[in-house]
Amino acid sequence: MPAKGQDKMQTSRYLARLIGPVALAMGACVVLNGATFRLMAGQFLASYALIFLAGLLTLIAGIAIVLAHNVWTRDWRVIITIFGWLAIVGGAVLIVFPELVASLGVAMLAQTGALLFIGLGIVILGAVLSYFGYRQ
């Protein structure tokens, strides 16, 4: 039976392996296909139903991450915990304030530099989590 700390590390690596590649792919989409991403995001923001559904799924994912991994350490694993808590808050905001999300999202899409910056941040997050999740 693994020690409690080792069990937490296994959970951390599992979640890093799950979140890292997804973040890499999403960030790459934003950075490499900016025009297509803007089009998809604009279509998404035009539908309050999709915003609500995304909020529901994001909230569920965030709660699942925090329930499995509420680890506040001074190493890379805290990134997963923060990601989970941000997903909870973000999901709740999407559900409760869809009109605000739509208007802020449209304004953000108009800022080319901001979108590129966010995309690069997501790529970095994905790379860091993938590194720690898959390294030996």
Protein backbone atom coordinates (compact mmCIF):
# COMPACT_ATOMS: atom_id res chain seq x y z
CA MET A 1 0.00 0.00 0.00
CA PRO A 2 1.55 3.36 -1.03
CA ALA A 3 2.23 5.99 1.58
CA LYS A 4 -0.22 8.88 1.80
CA GLY A 5 2.24 11.38 0.24
CA GLN A 6 3.05 8.96 -2.56
CA ASP A 7 -0.68 8.43 -3.23
CA LYS A 8 -1.15 12.22 -3.55
CA MET A 9 1.80 12.37 -5.95
CA GLN A 10 0.20 9.67 -8.11
CA THR A 11 -3.02 11.69 -8.22
CA SER A 12 -1.03 14.81 -9.11
CA ARG A 13 0.77 13.04 -11.94
CA TYR A 14 -2.48 11.53 -13.23
CA LEU A 15 -4.20 14.93 -13.33
CA ALA A 16 -1.12 16.56 -14.89
CA ARG A 17 -1.16 13.87 -17.60
CA LEU A 18 -4.83 14.57 -18.22
CA ILE A 19 -4.85 18.38 -18.11
CA GLY A 20 -1.43 19.04 -19.68
CA PRO A 21 -1.99 17.68 -23.21
CA VAL A 22 -5.51 19.15 -23.35
CA ALA A 23 -4.15 22.58 -22.39
CA LEU A 24 -1.37 22.24 -24.97
CA ALA A 25 -3.88 21.46 -27.73
CA MET A 26 -6.23 24.27 -26.70
CA GLY A 27 -3.42 26.80 -26.44
CA ALA A 28 -2.00 25.72 -29.79
CA CYS A 29 -5.43 26.22 -31.36
CA VAL A 30 -5.60 29.79 -30.03
CA VAL A 31 -2.02 30.63 -31.06
CA LEU A 32 -1.88 28.89 -34.46
CA ASN A 33 -5.49 29.27 -35.63
CA GLY A 34 -6.42 32.68 -34.26
CA ALA A 35 -8.98 33.52 -36.95
CA THR A 36 -10.72 30.15 -36.68
CA PHE A 37 -10.69 30.33 -32.89
CA ARG A 38 -12.22 33.83 -33.00
CA LEU A 39 -14.99 32.53 -35.28
CA MET A 40 -15.73 29.54 -33.01
CA ALA A 41 -15.60 31.66 -29.87
CA GLY A 42 -17.93 34.24 -31.43
CA GLN A 43 -20.45 31.51 -32.27
CA PHE A 44 -20.13 30.12 -28.74
CA LEU A 45 -20.63 33.54 -27.13
CA ALA A 46 -23.77 34.10 -29.21
CA SER A 47 -25.51 31.24 -27.38
CA TYR A 48 -26.45 31.62 -23.73
CA ALA A 49 -27.37 27.94 -23.73
CA LEU A 50 -23.81 26.96 -24.72
CA ILE A 51 -22.36 29.33 -22.13
CA PHE A 52 -24.57 27.72 -19.47
CA LEU A 53 -23.62 24.20 -20.59
CA ALA A 54 -19.92 25.08 -20.60
CA GLY A 55 -20.34 26.51 -17.10
CA LEU A 56 -22.02 23.36 -15.88
CA LEU A 57 -19.28 21.11 -17.29
CA THR A 58 -16.52 23.41 -16.03
CA LEU A 59 -18.05 23.53 -12.55
CA ILE A 60 -18.33 19.74 -12.40
CA ALA A 61 -14.73 19.30 -13.61
CA GLY A 62 -13.46 21.85 -11.08
CA ILE A 63 -15.27 20.21 -8.20
CA ALA A 64 -13.94 16.79 -9.26
CA ILE A 65 -10.36 18.12 -9.38
CA VAL A 66 -10.62 19.82 -5.99
CA LEU A 67 -12.24 16.78 -4.36
CA ALA A 68 -9.41 14.57 -5.63
CA HIS A 69 -6.59 17.09 -5.36
CA ASN A 70 -6.92 19.94 -2.87
CA VAL A 71 -3.15 19.97 -2.33
CA TRP A 72 -1.58 23.25 -1.20
CA THR A 73 2.17 22.68 -1.51
CA ARG A 74 5.12 24.79 -2.56
CA ASP A 75 5.78 22.81 -5.71
CA TRP A 76 4.23 22.27 -9.14
CA ARG A 77 1.26 20.32 -7.74
CA VAL A 78 -0.36 23.51 -6.48
CA ILE A 79 -0.96 24.44 -10.15
CA ILE A 80 -3.51 21.62 -10.38
CA THR A 81 -5.26 22.75 -7.20
CA ILE A 82 -5.41 26.36 -8.39
CA PHE A 83 -6.66 25.16 -11.77
CA GLY A 84 -9.45 23.23 -10.02
CA TRP A 85 -10.51 26.21 -7.91
CA LEU A 86 -10.43 28.53 -10.93
CA ALA A 87 -12.63 26.03 -12.79
CA ILE A 88 -15.14 26.10 -9.92
CA VAL A 89 -15.27 29.89 -9.87
CA GLY A 90 -15.26 30.16 -13.67
CA GLY A 91 -17.99 27.56 -14.06
CA ALA A 92 -20.18 29.32 -11.51
CA VAL A 93 -19.66 32.66 -13.27
CA LEU A 94 -20.61 31.13 -16.63
CA ILE A 95 -23.81 29.72 -15.14
CA VAL A 96 -24.87 32.76 -13.11
CA PHE A 97 -23.80 35.59 -15.45
CA PRO A 98 -24.06 34.40 -19.09
CA GLU A 99 -24.81 37.90 -20.46
CA LEU A 100 -21.75 39.36 -18.74
CA VAL A 101 -19.58 36.50 -19.97
CA ALA A 102 -20.82 37.05 -23.54
CA SER A 103 -20.13 40.79 -23.50
CA LEU A 104 -16.69 40.42 -21.89
CA GLY A 105 -15.83 37.59 -24.28
CA VAL A 106 -16.74 39.64 -27.35
CA ALA A 107 -14.61 42.53 -26.06
CA MET A 108 -11.70 40.17 -25.41
CA LEU A 109 -11.94 38.63 -28.88
CA ALA A 110 -11.46 42.10 -30.35
CA GLN A 111 -8.05 42.33 -28.64
CA THR A 112 -5.66 40.33 -30.84
CA GLY A 113 -2.72 40.74 -28.45
CA ALA A 114 -4.72 39.64 -25.43
CA LEU A 115 -5.90 36.50 -27.18
CA LEU A 116 -2.36 35.61 -28.25
CA PHE A 117 -1.11 36.23 -24.69
CA ILE A 118 -3.82 33.97 -23.25
CA GLY A 119 -3.07 31.27 -25.82
CA LEU A 120 0.63 31.34 -24.98
CA GLY A 121 -0.22 31.13 -21.27
CA ILE A 122 -2.34 28.04 -21.90
CA VAL A 123 0.50 26.47 -23.93
CA ILE A 124 2.94 27.12 -21.08
CA LEU A 125 0.50 25.66 -18.53
CA GLY A 126 0.07 22.57 -20.71
CA ALA A 127 3.81 22.18 -21.21
CA VAL A 128 4.56 22.46 -17.49
CA LEU A 129 1.85 19.99 -16.49
CA SER A 130 2.82 17.58 -19.27
CA TYR A 131 6.46 17.75 -18.22
CA PHE A 132 5.73 16.95 -14.58
CA GLY A 133 3.06 14.40 -15.46
CA TYR A 134 5.12 12.40 -17.94
CA ARG A 135 8.70 12.77 -16.72
CA GLN A 136 10.27 9.68 -15.19
